[in-house]
Amino acid sequence: MTSRLLHLDASARRSSFSRNLSARFADVWKAARPEGEYRYRDLAADPVPHITEAWTEICDAVLGAGITDTESYSSVVTTPAQHVAWAVVEPLLTELVWADTVLIGTPMYNFSVPASLKSWLDQVTFPRMSLRGTRFVVAGARGGTYLPGSPRASFDHEGNYLRDFLAGHFDVDDVVFVHVELTNALVDPRLADRLGAHEAALAAARQRIEEVAK
């Protein structure tokens, strides 16, 4: 069976730690699977619009009809506004279901995920979906450190949110997180003494992302 990778980037920076890390994963993945198929979406450069009231109507209709097959969602789309909303959803959902591996390159913004990523998640999420069997890899970057046992571990609403979201909405427990920590040590004088820890975290993340990709 041909492997299929959907690669998403959400960082507002054109050159960022999360983008570089996700790009490295994609390069190694493609080299290891020359027969594999690859699709890329830049959620920051080409933002997904926020959901509309018409989207909520589709969502309610899917739930009310007890539809769990994503290919049958369009059967409840009836009004002109719903057709407009579905035109946004359909290509996003199609490529998500198509993938057996979803790679998400994302920074932590304000303790959580970027709005660009949240908008994509909102558009492709419907009641009682199951993507079990799909693997998710999150290539992330955080300005501080939020590792277990660190003073700000409880502030990690990026990793925890994505882990809970993927399990609760997509029925997915095959999720790998690879984070570069302490990126602000490069710019914040108060974190100058953590530069060595950042560099170690960066080296470890690069090594780990290649292992996961292979």
C-alpha atoms as a PDB file:
ATOM      1  CA  MET A   1       0.000   0.000   0.000  1.00  0.00           C
ATOM      2  CA  THR A   2       1.328   3.436  -0.942  1.00  0.00           C
ATOM      3  CA  SER A   3       2.179   5.674   2.034  1.00  0.00           C
ATOM      4  CA  ARG A   4       0.498   9.090   2.025  1.00  0.00           C
ATOM      5  CA  LEU A   5       1.731  12.126   3.942  1.00  0.00           C
ATOM      6  CA  LEU A   6      -0.240  15.319   4.552  1.00  0.00           C
ATOM      7  CA  HIS A   7       2.135  18.070   5.700  1.00  0.00           C
ATOM      8  CA  LEU A   8       0.737  21.184   7.408  1.00  0.00           C
ATOM      9  CA  ASP A   9       2.642  24.261   8.615  1.00  0.00           C
ATOM     10  CA  ALA A  10       1.087  26.883  10.875  1.00  0.00           C
ATOM     11  CA  SER A  11       3.911  29.220  11.878  1.00  0.00           C
ATOM     12  CA  ALA A  12       3.550  32.887  10.942  1.00  0.00           C
ATOM     13  CA  ARG A  13       7.320  32.987  10.352  1.00  0.00           C
ATOM     14  CA  ARG A  14       8.504  31.969   6.904  1.00  0.00           C
ATOM     15  CA  SER A  15      11.647  30.495   8.441  1.00  0.00           C
ATOM     16  CA  SER A  16      10.924  29.044  11.864  1.00  0.00           C
ATOM     17  CA  PHE A  17      11.997  26.184  14.054  1.00  0.00           C
ATOM     18  CA  SER A  18       8.717  24.332  13.563  1.00  0.00           C
ATOM     19  CA  ARG A  19       8.832  24.780   9.780  1.00  0.00           C
ATOM     20  CA  ASN A  20      12.446  23.633   9.611  1.00  0.00           C
ATOM     21  CA  LEU A  21      11.685  20.637  11.803  1.00  0.00           C
ATOM     22  CA  SER A  22       8.622  19.598   9.817  1.00  0.00           C
ATOM     23  CA  ALA A  23      10.516  20.082   6.536  1.00  0.00           C
ATOM     24  CA  ARG A  24      13.243  17.762   7.798  1.00  0.00           C
ATOM     25  CA  PHE A  25      10.642  15.130   8.652  1.00  0.00           C
ATOM     26  CA  ALA A  26       9.112  15.438   5.180  1.00  0.00           C
ATOM     27  CA  ASP A  27      12.495  15.152   3.454  1.00  0.00           C
ATOM     28  CA  VAL A  28      13.467  12.039   5.389  1.00  0.00           C
ATOM     29  CA  TRP A  29       9.991  10.525   4.981  1.00  0.00           C
ATOM     30  CA  LYS A  30      10.075  11.000   1.201  1.00  0.00           C
ATOM     31  CA  ALA A  31      13.616   9.626   0.909  1.00  0.00           C
ATOM     32  CA  ALA A  32      12.606   6.511   2.866  1.00  0.00           C
ATOM     33  CA  ARG A  33       9.440   6.039   0.773  1.00  0.00           C
ATOM     34  CA  PRO A  34      10.196   6.934  -2.859  1.00  0.00           C
ATOM     35  CA  GLU A  35       6.815   5.496  -3.856  1.00  0.00           C
ATOM     36  CA  GLY A  36       4.970   7.589  -1.279  1.00  0.00           C
ATOM     37  CA  GLU A  37       2.515  10.378  -2.045  1.00  0.00           C
ATOM     38  CA  TYR A  38       2.879  13.823  -0.456  1.00  0.00           C
ATOM     39  CA  ARG A  39       0.636  16.864  -0.092  1.00  0.00           C
ATOM     40  CA  TYR A  40       1.485  20.175   1.546  1.00  0.00           C
ATOM     41  CA  ARG A  41      -0.663  22.980   2.943  1.00  0.00           C
ATOM     42  CA  ASP A  42       0.666  26.222   4.427  1.00  0.00           C
ATOM     43  CA  LEU A  43      -2.017  27.327   6.868  1.00  0.00           C
ATOM     44  CA  ALA A  44      -0.327  30.665   7.554  1.00  0.00           C
ATOM     45  CA  ALA A  45       0.325  31.718   3.951  1.00  0.00           C
ATOM     46  CA  ASP A  46      -3.032  30.397   2.729  1.00  0.00           C
ATOM     47  CA  PRO A  47      -5.329  30.664   5.772  1.00  0.00           C
ATOM     48  CA  VAL A  48      -8.384  28.496   6.169  1.00  0.00           C
ATOM     49  CA  PRO A  49     -11.437  30.682   6.909  1.00  0.00           C
ATOM     50  CA  HIS A  50     -13.272  30.460  10.207  1.00  0.00           C
ATOM     51  CA  ILE A  51     -16.348  28.259  10.329  1.00  0.00           C
ATOM     52  CA  THR A  52     -19.676  29.951   9.629  1.00  0.00           C
ATOM     53  CA  GLU A  53     -23.236  29.425  10.822  1.00  0.00           C
ATOM     54  CA  ALA A  54     -23.818  27.295   7.744  1.00  0.00           C
ATOM     55  CA  TRP A  55     -21.001  24.992   8.861  1.00  0.00           C
ATOM     56  CA  THR A  56     -22.712  24.546  12.233  1.00  0.00           C
ATOM     57  CA  GLU A  57     -25.913  23.618  10.404  1.00  0.00           C
ATOM     58  CA  ILE A  58     -24.054  20.912   8.461  1.00  0.00           C
ATOM     59  CA  CYS A  59     -22.507  19.688  11.684  1.00  0.00           C
ATOM     60  CA  ASP A  60     -25.917  19.486  13.394  1.00  0.00           C
ATOM     61  CA  ALA A  61     -27.407  17.652  10.417  1.00  0.00           C
ATOM     62  CA  VAL A  62     -24.575  15.110  10.395  1.00  0.00           C
ATOM     63  CA  LEU A  63     -25.098  14.522  14.091  1.00  0.00           C
ATOM     64  CA  GLY A  64     -28.874  14.301  13.803  1.00  0.00           C
ATOM     65  CA  ALA A  65     -28.706  11.818  10.938  1.00  0.00           C
ATOM     66  CA  GLY A  66     -26.151   9.674  12.761  1.00  0.00           C
ATOM     67  CA  ILE A  67     -23.737   9.849   9.821  1.00  0.00           C
ATOM     68  CA  THR A  68     -20.230   8.614  10.593  1.00  0.00           C
ATOM     69  CA  ASP A  69     -18.939   8.034   7.052  1.00  0.00           C
ATOM     70  CA  THR A  70     -17.148  11.203   5.899  1.00  0.00           C
ATOM     71  CA  GLU A  71     -18.093  10.481   2.283  1.00  0.00           C
ATOM     72  CA  SER A  72     -21.767  10.818   3.247  1.00  0.00           C
ATOM     73  CA  TYR A  73     -21.519  14.242   4.890  1.00  0.00           C
ATOM     74  CA  SER A  74     -22.403  16.032   1.663  1.00  0.00           C
ATOM     75  CA  SER A  75     -25.820  14.342   1.632  1.00  0.00           C
ATOM     76  CA  VAL A  76     -27.077  16.758   4.309  1.00  0.00           C
ATOM     77  CA  VAL A  77     -25.878  19.897   2.504  1.00  0.00           C
ATOM     78  CA  THR A  78     -28.994  21.609   1.169  1.00  0.00           C
ATOM     79  CA  THR A  79     -29.068  25.429   1.361  1.00  0.00           C
ATOM     80  CA  PRO A  80     -26.974  27.817  -0.750  1.00  0.00           C
ATOM     81  CA  ALA A  81     -25.063  28.956   2.348  1.00  0.00           C
ATOM     82  CA  GLN A  82     -24.343  25.354   3.288  1.00  0.00           C
ATOM     83  CA  HIS A  83     -23.014  24.660  -0.209  1.00  0.00           C
ATOM     84  CA  VAL A  84     -20.639  27.610   0.182  1.00  0.00           C
ATOM     85  CA  ALA A  85     -19.480  26.261   3.556  1.00  0.00           C
ATOM     86  CA  TRP A  86     -19.089  22.755   2.171  1.00  0.00           C
ATOM     87  CA  ALA A  87     -16.938  24.040  -0.691  1.00  0.00           C
ATOM     88  CA  VAL A  88     -14.430  25.123   1.970  1.00  0.00           C
ATOM     89  CA  VAL A  89     -14.648  21.890   3.952  1.00  0.00           C
ATOM     90  CA  GLU A  90     -14.560  19.321   1.166  1.00  0.00           C
ATOM     91  CA  PRO A  91     -10.965  19.687  -0.113  1.00  0.00           C
ATOM     92  CA  LEU A  92      -9.603  19.972   3.427  1.00  0.00           C
ATOM     93  CA  LEU A  93     -11.465  16.925   4.656  1.00  0.00           C
ATOM     94  CA  THR A  94     -10.665  14.903   1.537  1.00  0.00           C
ATOM     95  CA  GLU A  95      -6.912  15.294   1.938  1.00  0.00           C
ATOM     96  CA  LEU A  96      -7.106  14.622   5.686  1.00  0.00           C
ATOM     97  CA  VAL A  97      -8.946  11.332   5.146  1.00  0.00           C
ATOM     98  CA  TRP A  98      -6.593  10.517   2.258  1.00  0.00           C
ATOM     99  CA  ALA A  99      -3.477  10.649   4.479  1.00  0.00           C
ATOM    100  CA  ASP A 100      -2.156   7.828   6.614  1.00  0.00           C
ATOM    101  CA  THR A 101       0.340  10.208   8.247  1.00  0.00           C
ATOM    102  CA  VAL A 102      -0.451  13.817   9.131  1.00  0.00           C
ATOM    103  CA  LEU A 103       2.516  16.045   9.938  1.00  0.00           C
ATOM    104  CA  ILE A 104       1.746  19.276  11.782  1.00  0.00           C
ATOM    105  CA  GLY A 105       4.466  21.896  12.076  1.00  0.00           C
ATOM    106  CA  THR A 106       3.313  24.352  14.705  1.00  0.00           C
ATOM    107  CA  PRO A 107       4.749  26.767  17.252  1.00  0.00           C
ATOM    108  CA  MET A 108       3.205  27.446  20.621  1.00  0.00           C
ATOM    109  CA  TYR A 109       1.558  30.872  20.571  1.00  0.00           C
ATOM    110  CA  ASN A 110       0.357  32.273  23.887  1.00  0.00           C
ATOM    111  CA  PHE A 111       0.419  28.816  25.493  1.00  0.00           C
ATOM    112  CA  SER A 112      -1.724  27.276  22.732  1.00  0.00           C
ATOM    113  CA  VAL A 113      -1.853  26.625  18.975  1.00  0.00           C
ATOM    114  CA  PRO A 114      -1.910  29.339  16.280  1.00  0.00           C
ATOM    115  CA  ALA A 115      -5.318  30.513  15.095  1.00  0.00           C
ATOM    116  CA  SER A 116      -4.407  29.263  11.610  1.00  0.00           C
ATOM    117  CA  LEU A 117      -4.189  25.694  12.880  1.00  0.00           C
ATOM    118  CA  LYS A 118      -7.322  26.028  15.014  1.00  0.00           C
ATOM    119  CA  SER A 119      -9.317  27.194  11.976  1.00  0.00           C
ATOM    120  CA  TRP A 120      -8.209  24.139  10.003  1.00  0.00           C
ATOM    121  CA  LEU A 121      -9.120  21.812  12.868  1.00  0.00           C
ATOM    122  CA  ASP A 122     -12.553  23.417  13.188  1.00  0.00           C
ATOM    123  CA  GLN A 123     -13.300  23.010   9.476  1.00  0.00           C
ATOM    124  CA  VAL A 124     -12.380  19.314   9.278  1.00  0.00           C
ATOM    125  CA  THR A 125     -13.950  18.111  12.539  1.00  0.00           C
ATOM    126  CA  PHE A 126     -17.424  16.582  12.676  1.00  0.00           C
ATOM    127  CA  PRO A 127     -19.301  14.495  15.265  1.00  0.00           C
ATOM    128  CA  ARG A 128     -18.165  10.927  15.901  1.00  0.00           C
ATOM    129  CA  MET A 129     -15.410  10.994  13.292  1.00  0.00           C
ATOM    130  CA  SER A 130     -12.809   8.268  13.451  1.00  0.00           C
ATOM    131  CA  LEU A 131      -9.382   8.515  11.879  1.00  0.00           C
ATOM    132  CA  ARG A 132      -8.071   5.545  13.850  1.00  0.00           C
ATOM    133  CA  GLY A 133      -5.108   4.107  11.993  1.00  0.00           C
ATOM    134  CA  THR A 134      -3.845   7.559  10.989  1.00  0.00           C
ATOM    135  CA  ARG A 135      -0.571   8.619  12.532  1.00  0.00           C
ATOM    136  CA  PHE A 136      -0.072  12.225  13.618  1.00  0.00           C
ATOM    137  CA  VAL A 137       3.337  13.797  14.094  1.00  0.00           C
ATOM    138  CA  VAL A 138       3.623  17.252  15.675  1.00  0.00           C
ATOM    139  CA  ALA A 139       6.852  19.136  14.996  1.00  0.00           C
ATOM    140  CA  GLY A 140       6.717  22.006  17.444  1.00  0.00           C
ATOM    141  CA  ALA A 141       8.636  24.913  18.899  1.00  0.00           C
ATOM    142  CA  ARG A 142       8.159  26.813  22.136  1.00  0.00           C
ATOM    143  CA  GLY A 143       9.794  29.987  23.402  1.00  0.00           C
ATOM    144  CA  GLY A 144      10.191  28.575  26.903  1.00  0.00           C
ATOM    145  CA  THR A 145      10.209  25.057  28.265  1.00  0.00           C
ATOM    146  CA  TYR A 146       7.068  23.177  29.182  1.00  0.00           C
ATOM    147  CA  LEU A 147       8.480  19.727  29.794  1.00  0.00           C
ATOM    148  CA  PRO A 148       7.046  17.632  32.622  1.00  0.00           C
ATOM    149  CA  GLY A 149       8.451  18.852  35.915  1.00  0.00           C
ATOM    150  CA  SER A 150       9.282  22.322  34.615  1.00  0.00           C
ATOM    151  CA  PRO A 151       7.715  25.355  36.358  1.00  0.00           C
ATOM    152  CA  ARG A 152       5.411  26.036  33.389  1.00  0.00           C
ATOM    153  CA  ALA A 153       4.463  22.464  32.535  1.00  0.00           C
ATOM    154  CA  SER A 154       0.824  23.164  33.440  1.00  0.00           C
ATOM    155  CA  PHE A 155       0.755  26.006  30.878  1.00  0.00           C
ATOM    156  CA  ASP A 156       1.227  23.611  27.963  1.00  0.00           C
ATOM    157  CA  HIS A 157      -2.116  24.112  26.244  1.00  0.00           C
ATOM    158  CA  GLU A 158      -0.536  23.342  22.874  1.00  0.00           C
ATOM    159  CA  GLY A 159       0.657  19.774  23.313  1.00  0.00           C
ATOM    160  CA  ASN A 160      -2.068  18.850  25.767  1.00  0.00           C
ATOM    161  CA  TYR A 161      -4.761  20.398  23.583  1.00  0.00           C
ATOM    162  CA  LEU A 162      -3.631  18.574  20.444  1.00  0.00           C
ATOM    163  CA  ARG A 163      -3.266  15.273  22.269  1.00  0.00           C
ATOM    164  CA  ASP A 164      -6.749  15.555  23.787  1.00  0.00           C
ATOM    165  CA  PHE A 165      -8.273  16.840  20.551  1.00  0.00           C
ATOM    166  CA  LEU A 166      -6.908  14.026  18.401  1.00  0.00           C
ATOM    167  CA  ALA A 167      -8.029  11.398  20.893  1.00  0.00           C
ATOM    168  CA  GLY A 168     -11.419  12.939  21.635  1.00  0.00           C
ATOM    169  CA  HIS A 169     -12.482  13.986  18.137  1.00  0.00           C
ATOM    170  CA  PHE A 170     -10.531  11.734  15.765  1.00  0.00           C
ATOM    171  CA  ASP A 171     -10.185   8.600  17.923  1.00  0.00           C
ATOM    172  CA  VAL A 172      -6.409   8.771  17.356  1.00  0.00           C
ATOM    173  CA  ASP A 173      -3.847   7.743  19.941  1.00  0.00           C
ATOM    174  CA  ASP A 174      -0.874   7.343  17.601  1.00  0.00           C
ATOM    175  CA  VAL A 175       0.601  10.825  18.122  1.00  0.00           C
ATOM    176  CA  VAL A 176       4.280  11.728  18.327  1.00  0.00           C
ATOM    177  CA  PHE A 177       5.415  15.134  19.597  1.00  0.00           C
ATOM    178  CA  VAL A 178       8.871  16.494  18.834  1.00  0.00           C
ATOM    179  CA  HIS A 179       9.497  19.958  20.279  1.00  0.00           C
ATOM    180  CA  VAL A 180      12.328  22.459  20.153  1.00  0.00           C
ATOM    181  CA  GLU A 181      12.332  24.149  23.559  1.00  0.00           C
ATOM    182  CA  LEU A 182      13.606  27.551  24.711  1.00  0.00           C
ATOM    183  CA  THR A 183      13.730  29.293  21.336  1.00  0.00           C
ATOM    184  CA  ASN A 184      13.392  32.646  23.115  1.00  0.00           C
ATOM    185  CA  ALA A 185      16.868  32.146  24.557  1.00  0.00           C
ATOM    186  CA  LEU A 186      18.099  33.496  21.217  1.00  0.00           C
ATOM    187  CA  VAL A 187      16.400  36.869  21.718  1.00  0.00           C
ATOM    188  CA  ASP A 188      15.502  37.337  25.401  1.00  0.00           C
ATOM    189  CA  PRO A 189      18.412  38.546  27.575  1.00  0.00           C
ATOM    190  CA  ARG A 190      16.699  37.030  30.613  1.00  0.00           C
ATOM    191  CA  LEU A 191      17.096  33.589  29.040  1.00  0.00           C
ATOM    192  CA  ALA A 192      20.708  34.031  27.954  1.00  0.00           C
ATOM    193  CA  ASP A 193      21.843  31.429  30.473  1.00  0.00           C
ATOM    194  CA  ARG A 194      19.493  28.890  28.836  1.00  0.00           C
ATOM    195  CA  LEU A 195      21.066  29.140  25.391  1.00  0.00           C
ATOM    196  CA  GLY A 196      22.992  25.927  25.910  1.00  0.00           C
ATOM    197  CA  ALA A 197      19.796  24.132  26.927  1.00  0.00           C
ATOM    198  CA  HIS A 198      18.075  25.423  23.778  1.00  0.00           C
ATOM    199  CA  GLU A 199      20.909  24.218  21.561  1.00  0.00           C
ATOM    200  CA  ALA A 200      20.775  20.789  23.189  1.00  0.00           C
ATOM    201  CA  ALA A 201      17.006  20.659  22.732  1.00  0.00           C
ATOM    202  CA  LEU A 202      17.369  21.642  19.070  1.00  0.00           C
ATOM    203  CA  ALA A 203      19.943  18.931  18.400  1.00  0.00           C
ATOM    204  CA  ALA A 204      17.803  16.330  20.169  1.00  0.00           C
ATOM    205  CA  ALA A 205      14.694  17.395  18.230  1.00  0.00           C
ATOM    206  CA  ARG A 206      16.499  17.154  14.889  1.00  0.00           C
ATOM    207  CA  GLN A 207      17.726  13.682  15.706  1.00  0.00           C
ATOM    208  CA  ARG A 208      14.353  12.553  16.980  1.00  0.00           C
ATOM    209  CA  ILE A 209      12.389  13.893  13.999  1.00  0.00           C
ATOM    210  CA  GLU A 210      14.595  11.915  11.624  1.00  0.00           C
ATOM    211  CA  GLU A 211      14.097   8.745  13.649  1.00  0.00           C
ATOM    212  CA  VAL A 212      10.324   9.212  13.602  1.00  0.00           C
ATOM    213  CA  ALA A 213      10.297   9.945   9.868  1.00  0.00           C
ATOM    214  CA  LYS A 214      12.194   6.768   9.029  1.00  0.00           C
END
